[in-house]
Amino acid sequence: MYLHTHYFMDLRRPASRLEIVNIVLYALVVVFLLIGGLGMLIALPMRHGEPGFFALTGLFLLLAAVPCTVVAQLQGRRREWLRCSGFPVQGQIVQVTYHRFVNYGNQRHPWTVWCEYRYEGQTYTARSTYLWDRPAGQIARVFLDQERPGQAWVDPKSLEYDKTR
Protein backbone atom coordinates (compact mmCIF):
# COMPACT_ATOMS: atom_id res chain seq x y z
CA MET A 1 0.00 0.00 0.00
CA TYR A 2 1.25 3.46 -0.90
CA LEU A 3 0.86 5.20 2.49
CA HIS A 4 1.25 8.80 1.41
CA THR A 5 -1.52 8.84 -1.15
CA HIS A 6 -3.96 6.06 -0.50
CA TYR A 7 -7.39 7.53 0.11
CA PHE A 8 -7.79 5.82 3.45
CA MET A 9 -6.11 8.06 5.99
CA ASP A 10 -2.85 6.95 7.52
CA LEU A 11 -3.26 7.80 11.18
CA ARG A 12 0.51 7.83 11.67
CA ARG A 13 1.26 10.30 8.87
CA PRO A 14 -1.72 12.43 7.84
CA ALA A 15 -1.33 14.05 4.42
CA SER A 16 -3.05 17.37 5.17
CA ARG A 17 -4.48 19.65 7.82
CA LEU A 18 -7.93 18.37 6.94
CA GLU A 19 -6.90 14.81 7.81
CA ILE A 20 -5.55 15.98 11.19
CA VAL A 21 -8.82 17.82 11.89
CA ASN A 22 -10.70 14.67 10.89
CA ILE A 23 -8.71 12.51 13.32
CA VAL A 24 -9.26 14.98 16.17
CA LEU A 25 -13.00 15.24 15.45
CA TYR A 26 -13.44 11.47 15.50
CA ALA A 27 -11.47 11.22 18.75
CA LEU A 28 -13.80 13.81 20.30
CA VAL A 29 -16.84 11.95 18.97
CA VAL A 30 -15.69 8.78 20.69
CA VAL A 31 -14.95 10.56 23.99
CA PHE A 32 -18.27 12.42 24.09
CA LEU A 33 -20.30 9.36 23.10
CA LEU A 34 -18.56 7.24 25.72
CA ILE A 35 -19.11 9.80 28.47
CA GLY A 36 -22.74 10.27 27.38
CA GLY A 37 -23.37 6.53 27.27
CA LEU A 38 -21.64 5.98 30.59
CA GLY A 39 -23.67 8.84 32.10
CA MET A 40 -26.88 7.18 31.00
CA LEU A 41 -25.88 3.82 32.52
CA ILE A 42 -24.37 5.12 35.76
CA ALA A 43 -25.66 8.10 37.71
CA LEU A 44 -22.87 10.60 37.22
CA PRO A 45 -23.03 13.68 39.44
CA MET A 46 -23.43 16.79 37.29
CA ARG A 47 -24.07 20.42 38.26
CA HIS A 48 -26.21 21.37 35.30
CA GLY A 49 -27.81 19.45 32.48
CA GLU A 50 -28.13 15.79 31.75
CA PRO A 51 -25.50 13.22 30.77
CA GLY A 52 -27.35 12.78 27.49
CA PHE A 53 -26.03 16.18 26.41
CA PHE A 54 -22.59 14.60 26.12
CA ALA A 55 -23.97 12.05 23.68
CA LEU A 56 -25.83 14.79 21.82
CA THR A 57 -22.61 16.81 21.56
CA GLY A 58 -20.89 13.67 20.25
CA LEU A 59 -23.54 13.33 17.56
CA PHE A 60 -23.10 16.97 16.52
CA LEU A 61 -19.34 16.43 16.31
CA LEU A 62 -20.01 13.36 14.19
CA LEU A 63 -22.13 15.48 11.85
CA ALA A 64 -19.15 17.85 11.52
CA ALA A 65 -16.69 14.99 10.97
CA VAL A 66 -18.58 13.23 8.18
CA PRO A 67 -18.22 16.04 5.58
CA CYS A 68 -14.54 16.35 6.51
CA THR A 69 -14.14 12.63 5.88
CA VAL A 70 -15.86 12.86 2.50
CA VAL A 71 -13.68 15.77 1.37
CA ALA A 72 -10.48 14.10 2.65
CA GLN A 73 -11.34 10.87 0.84
CA LEU A 74 -12.10 12.73 -2.39
CA GLN A 75 -8.74 14.48 -2.15
CA GLY A 76 -7.01 11.17 -1.44
CA ARG A 77 -8.73 9.49 -4.38
CA ARG A 78 -7.66 12.34 -6.63
CA ARG A 79 -4.04 11.93 -5.46
CA GLU A 80 -4.26 8.18 -6.05
CA TRP A 81 -5.74 8.70 -9.52
CA LEU A 82 -2.95 11.14 -10.41
CA ARG A 83 -0.35 8.66 -9.12
CA CYS A 84 -1.75 5.82 -11.21
CA SER A 85 -2.99 7.63 -14.33
CA GLY A 86 -1.31 11.02 -14.33
CA PHE A 87 1.33 12.14 -16.81
CA PRO A 88 4.77 12.24 -15.13
CA VAL A 89 6.94 15.34 -15.56
CA GLN A 90 10.04 16.56 -13.78
CA GLY A 91 9.51 19.39 -11.34
CA GLN A 92 11.95 21.82 -9.80
CA ILE A 93 11.52 22.51 -6.08
CA VAL A 94 11.21 26.26 -5.64
CA GLN A 95 10.16 26.48 -2.00
CA VAL A 96 10.26 24.29 1.11
CA THR A 97 7.84 25.26 3.88
CA TYR A 98 8.25 24.13 7.47
CA HIS A 99 4.91 24.07 9.32
CA ARG A 100 6.04 24.75 12.88
CA PHE A 101 2.50 25.38 14.11
CA VAL A 102 1.21 22.03 12.91
CA ASN A 103 1.91 19.35 15.47
CA TYR A 104 0.67 15.80 15.38
CA GLY A 105 1.46 13.33 18.12
CA ASN A 106 5.16 12.71 18.54
CA GLN A 107 5.89 13.43 14.87
CA ARG A 108 8.09 16.33 13.94
CA HIS A 109 6.40 19.27 12.33
CA PRO A 110 5.67 18.58 8.66
CA TRP A 111 7.15 20.18 5.56
CA THR A 112 5.64 20.85 2.18
CA VAL A 113 7.41 21.62 -1.07
CA TRP A 114 6.31 23.78 -3.97
CA CYS A 115 7.40 22.48 -7.35
CA GLU A 116 7.41 24.26 -10.67
CA TYR A 117 6.91 22.14 -13.77
CA ARG A 118 6.46 22.85 -17.44
CA TYR A 119 3.88 21.27 -19.67
CA GLU A 120 3.18 22.28 -23.27
CA GLY A 121 5.09 25.55 -22.92
CA GLN A 122 3.28 26.66 -19.74
CA THR A 123 4.74 26.78 -16.23
CA TYR A 124 2.65 25.49 -13.34
CA THR A 125 3.20 24.98 -9.62
CA ALA A 126 2.10 22.16 -7.36
CA ARG A 127 2.26 21.79 -3.59
CA SER A 128 3.03 18.47 -1.96
CA THR A 129 1.08 16.85 0.82
CA TYR A 130 2.60 16.92 4.29
CA LEU A 131 6.08 15.42 4.36
CA TRP A 132 7.10 14.10 7.76
CA ASP A 133 10.80 13.94 6.87
CA ARG A 134 12.84 16.98 5.82
CA PRO A 135 13.19 17.25 2.03
CA ALA A 136 16.72 17.96 0.81
CA GLY A 137 16.78 17.66 -2.99
CA GLN A 138 15.91 20.08 -5.78
CA ILE A 139 14.05 17.77 -8.19
CA ALA A 140 10.75 15.95 -7.83
CA ARG A 141 8.48 13.88 -10.05
CA VAL A 142 5.10 15.48 -10.59
CA PHE A 143 2.06 13.67 -11.96
CA LEU A 144 -0.42 15.89 -13.75
CA ASP A 145 -3.84 15.61 -15.32
CA GLN A 146 -3.31 16.19 -19.06
CA GLU A 147 -6.78 17.66 -19.48
CA ARG A 148 -6.17 20.11 -16.63
CA PRO A 149 -2.39 20.47 -16.30
CA GLY A 150 -2.73 22.76 -13.31
CA GLN A 151 -4.03 19.77 -11.34
CA ALA A 152 -0.95 17.88 -10.21
CA TRP A 153 0.48 15.78 -7.40
CA VAL A 154 4.07 15.79 -6.16
CA ASP A 155 5.33 12.25 -5.59
CA PRO A 156 6.88 12.12 -2.10
CA LYS A 157 8.79 8.93 -3.02
CA SER A 158 10.71 10.88 -5.70
CA LEU A 159 12.07 13.42 -3.23
CA GLU A 160 15.41 13.21 -1.47
CA TYR A 161 15.31 13.56 2.30
CA ASP A 162 17.76 14.80 4.89
CA LYS A 163 19.13 11.68 6.60
CA THR A 164 20.87 13.53 9.47
CA ARG A 165 17.71 14.18 11.46
C-alpha atoms as a PDB file:
ATOM      1  CA  MET A   1       0.000   0.000   0.000  1.00  0.00           C
ATOM      2  CA  TYR A   2       1.253   3.463  -0.896  1.00  0.00           C
ATOM      3  CA  LEU A   3       0.860   5.195   2.489  1.00  0.00           C
ATOM      4  CA  HIS A   4       1.245   8.798   1.409  1.00  0.00           C
ATOM      5  CA  THR A   5      -1.524   8.839  -1.155  1.00  0.00           C
ATOM      6  CA  HIS A   6      -3.964   6.057  -0.499  1.00  0.00           C
ATOM      7  CA  TYR A   7      -7.392   7.527   0.107  1.00  0.00           C
ATOM      8  CA  PHE A   8      -7.791   5.819   3.454  1.00  0.00           C
ATOM      9  CA  MET A   9      -6.108   8.062   5.986  1.00  0.00           C
ATOM     10  CA  ASP A  10      -2.846   6.949   7.515  1.00  0.00           C
ATOM     11  CA  LEU A  11      -3.257   7.804  11.183  1.00  0.00           C
ATOM     12  CA  ARG A  12       0.509   7.827  11.667  1.00  0.00           C
ATOM     13  CA  ARG A  13       1.260  10.296   8.866  1.00  0.00           C
ATOM     14  CA  PRO A  14      -1.718  12.434   7.842  1.00  0.00           C
ATOM     15  CA  ALA A  15      -1.334  14.048   4.420  1.00  0.00           C
ATOM     16  CA  SER A  16      -3.047  17.369   5.165  1.00  0.00           C
ATOM     17  CA  ARG A  17      -4.479  19.647   7.818  1.00  0.00           C
ATOM     18  CA  LEU A  18      -7.932  18.368   6.941  1.00  0.00           C
ATOM     19  CA  GLU A  19      -6.900  14.809   7.807  1.00  0.00           C
ATOM     20  CA  ILE A  20      -5.546  15.982  11.187  1.00  0.00           C
ATOM     21  CA  VAL A  21      -8.817  17.819  11.891  1.00  0.00           C
ATOM     22  CA  ASN A  22     -10.696  14.672  10.890  1.00  0.00           C
ATOM     23  CA  ILE A  23      -8.713  12.511  13.319  1.00  0.00           C
ATOM     24  CA  VAL A  24      -9.262  14.983  16.172  1.00  0.00           C
ATOM     25  CA  LEU A  25     -12.998  15.238  15.452  1.00  0.00           C
ATOM     26  CA  TYR A  26     -13.436  11.470  15.497  1.00  0.00           C
ATOM     27  CA  ALA A  27     -11.474  11.218  18.750  1.00  0.00           C
ATOM     28  CA  LEU A  28     -13.797  13.813  20.301  1.00  0.00           C
ATOM     29  CA  VAL A  29     -16.836  11.951  18.972  1.00  0.00           C
ATOM     30  CA  VAL A  30     -15.688   8.776  20.691  1.00  0.00           C
ATOM     31  CA  VAL A  31     -14.953  10.558  23.985  1.00  0.00           C
ATOM     32  CA  PHE A  32     -18.268  12.422  24.092  1.00  0.00           C
ATOM     33  CA  LEU A  33     -20.303   9.359  23.100  1.00  0.00           C
ATOM     34  CA  LEU A  34     -18.561   7.236  25.722  1.00  0.00           C
ATOM     35  CA  ILE A  35     -19.111   9.805  28.475  1.00  0.00           C
ATOM     36  CA  GLY A  36     -22.737  10.268  27.384  1.00  0.00           C
ATOM     37  CA  GLY A  37     -23.371   6.532  27.266  1.00  0.00           C
ATOM     38  CA  LEU A  38     -21.644   5.979  30.592  1.00  0.00           C
ATOM     39  CA  GLY A  39     -23.670   8.837  32.102  1.00  0.00           C
ATOM     40  CA  MET A  40     -26.883   7.176  30.999  1.00  0.00           C
ATOM     41  CA  LEU A  41     -25.882   3.823  32.524  1.00  0.00           C
ATOM     42  CA  ILE A  42     -24.369   5.121  35.757  1.00  0.00           C
ATOM     43  CA  ALA A  43     -25.661   8.097  37.708  1.00  0.00           C
ATOM     44  CA  LEU A  44     -22.867  10.601  37.221  1.00  0.00           C
ATOM     45  CA  PRO A  45     -23.026  13.683  39.442  1.00  0.00           C
ATOM     46  CA  MET A  46     -23.435  16.792  37.291  1.00  0.00           C
ATOM     47  CA  ARG A  47     -24.073  20.418  38.260  1.00  0.00           C
ATOM     48  CA  HIS A  48     -26.213  21.375  35.296  1.00  0.00           C
ATOM     49  CA  GLY A  49     -27.813  19.451  32.483  1.00  0.00           C
ATOM     50  CA  GLU A  50     -28.132  15.795  31.750  1.00  0.00           C
ATOM     51  CA  PRO A  51     -25.502  13.220  30.768  1.00  0.00           C
ATOM     52  CA  GLY A  52     -27.349  12.775  27.486  1.00  0.00           C
ATOM     53  CA  PHE A  53     -26.035  16.176  26.410  1.00  0.00           C
ATOM     54  CA  PHE A  54     -22.585  14.603  26.117  1.00  0.00           C
ATOM     55  CA  ALA A  55     -23.975  12.050  23.678  1.00  0.00           C
ATOM     56  CA  LEU A  56     -25.833  14.787  21.817  1.00  0.00           C
ATOM     57  CA  THR A  57     -22.611  16.809  21.557  1.00  0.00           C
ATOM     58  CA  GLY A  58     -20.885  13.672  20.253  1.00  0.00           C
ATOM     59  CA  LEU A  59     -23.542  13.332  17.558  1.00  0.00           C
ATOM     60  CA  PHE A  60     -23.098  16.975  16.518  1.00  0.00           C
ATOM     61  CA  LEU A  61     -19.342  16.431  16.313  1.00  0.00           C
ATOM     62  CA  LEU A  62     -20.011  13.355  14.185  1.00  0.00           C
ATOM     63  CA  LEU A  63     -22.130  15.477  11.852  1.00  0.00           C
ATOM     64  CA  ALA A  64     -19.151  17.846  11.520  1.00  0.00           C
ATOM     65  CA  ALA A  65     -16.688  14.985  10.973  1.00  0.00           C
ATOM     66  CA  VAL A  66     -18.581  13.233   8.177  1.00  0.00           C
ATOM     67  CA  PRO A  67     -18.218  16.037   5.576  1.00  0.00           C
ATOM     68  CA  CYS A  68     -14.536  16.352   6.510  1.00  0.00           C
ATOM     69  CA  THR A  69     -14.140  12.632   5.882  1.00  0.00           C
ATOM     70  CA  VAL A  70     -15.863  12.860   2.505  1.00  0.00           C
ATOM     71  CA  VAL A  71     -13.684  15.770   1.371  1.00  0.00           C
ATOM     72  CA  ALA A  72     -10.477  14.102   2.650  1.00  0.00           C
ATOM     73  CA  GLN A  73     -11.338  10.868   0.843  1.00  0.00           C
ATOM     74  CA  LEU A  74     -12.101  12.735  -2.390  1.00  0.00           C
ATOM     75  CA  GLN A  75      -8.737  14.479  -2.147  1.00  0.00           C
ATOM     76  CA  GLY A  76      -7.010  11.168  -1.443  1.00  0.00           C
ATOM     77  CA  ARG A  77      -8.729   9.488  -4.379  1.00  0.00           C
ATOM     78  CA  ARG A  78      -7.656  12.336  -6.627  1.00  0.00           C
ATOM     79  CA  ARG A  79      -4.035  11.931  -5.464  1.00  0.00           C
ATOM     80  CA  GLU A  80      -4.265   8.184  -6.050  1.00  0.00           C
ATOM     81  CA  TRP A  81      -5.736   8.701  -9.520  1.00  0.00           C
ATOM     82  CA  LEU A  82      -2.949  11.137 -10.415  1.00  0.00           C
ATOM     83  CA  ARG A  83      -0.347   8.664  -9.119  1.00  0.00           C
ATOM     84  CA  CYS A  84      -1.752   5.824 -11.210  1.00  0.00           C
ATOM     85  CA  SER A  85      -2.990   7.634 -14.330  1.00  0.00           C
ATOM     86  CA  GLY A  86      -1.310  11.024 -14.327  1.00  0.00           C
ATOM     87  CA  PHE A  87       1.330  12.137 -16.815  1.00  0.00           C
ATOM     88  CA  PRO A  88       4.768  12.244 -15.135  1.00  0.00           C
ATOM     89  CA  VAL A  89       6.944  15.335 -15.558  1.00  0.00           C
ATOM     90  CA  GLN A  90      10.037  16.561 -13.782  1.00  0.00           C
ATOM     91  CA  GLY A  91       9.514  19.386 -11.339  1.00  0.00           C
ATOM     92  CA  GLN A  92      11.948  21.824  -9.802  1.00  0.00           C
ATOM     93  CA  ILE A  93      11.520  22.508  -6.079  1.00  0.00           C
ATOM     94  CA  VAL A  94      11.213  26.262  -5.638  1.00  0.00           C
ATOM     95  CA  GLN A  95      10.164  26.477  -1.996  1.00  0.00           C
ATOM     96  CA  VAL A  96      10.258  24.294   1.112  1.00  0.00           C
ATOM     97  CA  THR A  97       7.843  25.261   3.882  1.00  0.00           C
ATOM     98  CA  TYR A  98       8.251  24.130   7.475  1.00  0.00           C
ATOM     99  CA  HIS A  99       4.914  24.067   9.318  1.00  0.00           C
ATOM    100  CA  ARG A 100       6.035  24.751  12.876  1.00  0.00           C
ATOM    101  CA  PHE A 101       2.498  25.382  14.114  1.00  0.00           C
ATOM    102  CA  VAL A 102       1.207  22.030  12.910  1.00  0.00           C
ATOM    103  CA  ASN A 103       1.905  19.353  15.473  1.00  0.00           C
ATOM    104  CA  TYR A 104       0.670  15.796  15.376  1.00  0.00           C
ATOM    105  CA  GLY A 105       1.463  13.326  18.116  1.00  0.00           C
ATOM    106  CA  ASN A 106       5.156  12.711  18.544  1.00  0.00           C
ATOM    107  CA  GLN A 107       5.887  13.431  14.871  1.00  0.00           C
ATOM    108  CA  ARG A 108       8.090  16.328  13.936  1.00  0.00           C
ATOM    109  CA  HIS A 109       6.400  19.275  12.332  1.00  0.00           C
ATOM    110  CA  PRO A 110       5.674  18.577   8.661  1.00  0.00           C
ATOM    111  CA  TRP A 111       7.150  20.181   5.561  1.00  0.00           C
ATOM    112  CA  THR A 112       5.636  20.854   2.177  1.00  0.00           C
ATOM    113  CA  VAL A 113       7.411  21.615  -1.068  1.00  0.00           C
ATOM    114  CA  TRP A 114       6.309  23.784  -3.967  1.00  0.00           C
ATOM    115  CA  CYS A 115       7.399  22.475  -7.346  1.00  0.00           C
ATOM    116  CA  GLU A 116       7.412  24.257 -10.670  1.00  0.00           C
ATOM    117  CA  TYR A 117       6.913  22.144 -13.768  1.00  0.00           C
ATOM    118  CA  ARG A 118       6.462  22.851 -17.442  1.00  0.00           C
ATOM    119  CA  TYR A 119       3.881  21.274 -19.673  1.00  0.00           C
ATOM    120  CA  GLU A 120       3.183  22.280 -23.274  1.00  0.00           C
ATOM    121  CA  GLY A 121       5.086  25.551 -22.918  1.00  0.00           C
ATOM    122  CA  GLN A 122       3.275  26.658 -19.742  1.00  0.00           C
ATOM    123  CA  THR A 123       4.741  26.785 -16.235  1.00  0.00           C
ATOM    124  CA  TYR A 124       2.646  25.488 -13.336  1.00  0.00           C
ATOM    125  CA  THR A 125       3.196  24.980  -9.618  1.00  0.00           C
ATOM    126  CA  ALA A 126       2.096  22.157  -7.365  1.00  0.00           C
ATOM    127  CA  ARG A 127       2.262  21.785  -3.595  1.00  0.00           C
ATOM    128  CA  SER A 128       3.029  18.466  -1.962  1.00  0.00           C
ATOM    129  CA  THR A 129       1.080  16.847   0.818  1.00  0.00           C
ATOM    130  CA  TYR A 130       2.596  16.924   4.294  1.00  0.00           C
ATOM    131  CA  LEU A 131       6.078  15.424   4.364  1.00  0.00           C
ATOM    132  CA  TRP A 132       7.098  14.100   7.762  1.00  0.00           C
ATOM    133  CA  ASP A 133      10.801  13.941   6.867  1.00  0.00           C
ATOM    134  CA  ARG A 134      12.838  16.977   5.825  1.00  0.00           C
ATOM    135  CA  PRO A 135      13.193  17.248   2.027  1.00  0.00           C
ATOM    136  CA  ALA A 136      16.724  17.962   0.808  1.00  0.00           C
ATOM    137  CA  GLY A 137      16.776  17.659  -2.991  1.00  0.00           C
ATOM    138  CA  GLN A 138      15.909  20.075  -5.776  1.00  0.00           C
ATOM    139  CA  ILE A 139      14.053  17.768  -8.190  1.00  0.00           C
ATOM    140  CA  ALA A 140      10.747  15.945  -7.833  1.00  0.00           C
ATOM    141  CA  ARG A 141       8.485  13.883 -10.046  1.00  0.00           C
ATOM    142  CA  VAL A 142       5.099  15.479 -10.586  1.00  0.00           C
ATOM    143  CA  PHE A 143       2.058  13.671 -11.957  1.00  0.00           C
ATOM    144  CA  LEU A 144      -0.425  15.893 -13.753  1.00  0.00           C
ATOM    145  CA  ASP A 145      -3.839  15.614 -15.322  1.00  0.00           C
ATOM    146  CA  GLN A 146      -3.307  16.194 -19.059  1.00  0.00           C
ATOM    147  CA  GLU A 147      -6.784  17.663 -19.484  1.00  0.00           C
ATOM    148  CA  ARG A 148      -6.166  20.111 -16.628  1.00  0.00           C
ATOM    149  CA  PRO A 149      -2.390  20.466 -16.303  1.00  0.00           C
ATOM    150  CA  GLY A 150      -2.730  22.764 -13.310  1.00  0.00           C
ATOM    151  CA  GLN A 151      -4.033  19.774 -11.344  1.00  0.00           C
ATOM    152  CA  ALA A 152      -0.953  17.884 -10.208  1.00  0.00           C
ATOM    153  CA  TRP A 153       0.479  15.782  -7.405  1.00  0.00           C
ATOM    154  CA  VAL A 154       4.070  15.792  -6.158  1.00  0.00           C
ATOM    155  CA  ASP A 155       5.333  12.252  -5.594  1.00  0.00           C
ATOM    156  CA  PRO A 156       6.884  12.124  -2.098  1.00  0.00           C
ATOM    157  CA  LYS A 157       8.793   8.934  -3.023  1.00  0.00           C
ATOM    158  CA  SER A 158      10.710  10.878  -5.701  1.00  0.00           C
ATOM    159  CA  LEU A 159      12.074  13.419  -3.228  1.00  0.00           C
ATOM    160  CA  GLU A 160      15.412  13.209  -1.473  1.00  0.00           C
ATOM    161  CA  TYR A 161      15.313  13.558   2.299  1.00  0.00           C
ATOM    162  CA  ASP A 162      17.759  14.804   4.892  1.00  0.00           C
ATOM    163  CA  LYS A 163      19.129  11.684   6.601  1.00  0.00           C
ATOM    164  CA  THR A 164      20.866  13.534   9.475  1.00  0.00           C
ATOM    165  CA  ARG A 165      17.707  14.177  11.465  1.00  0.00           C
END
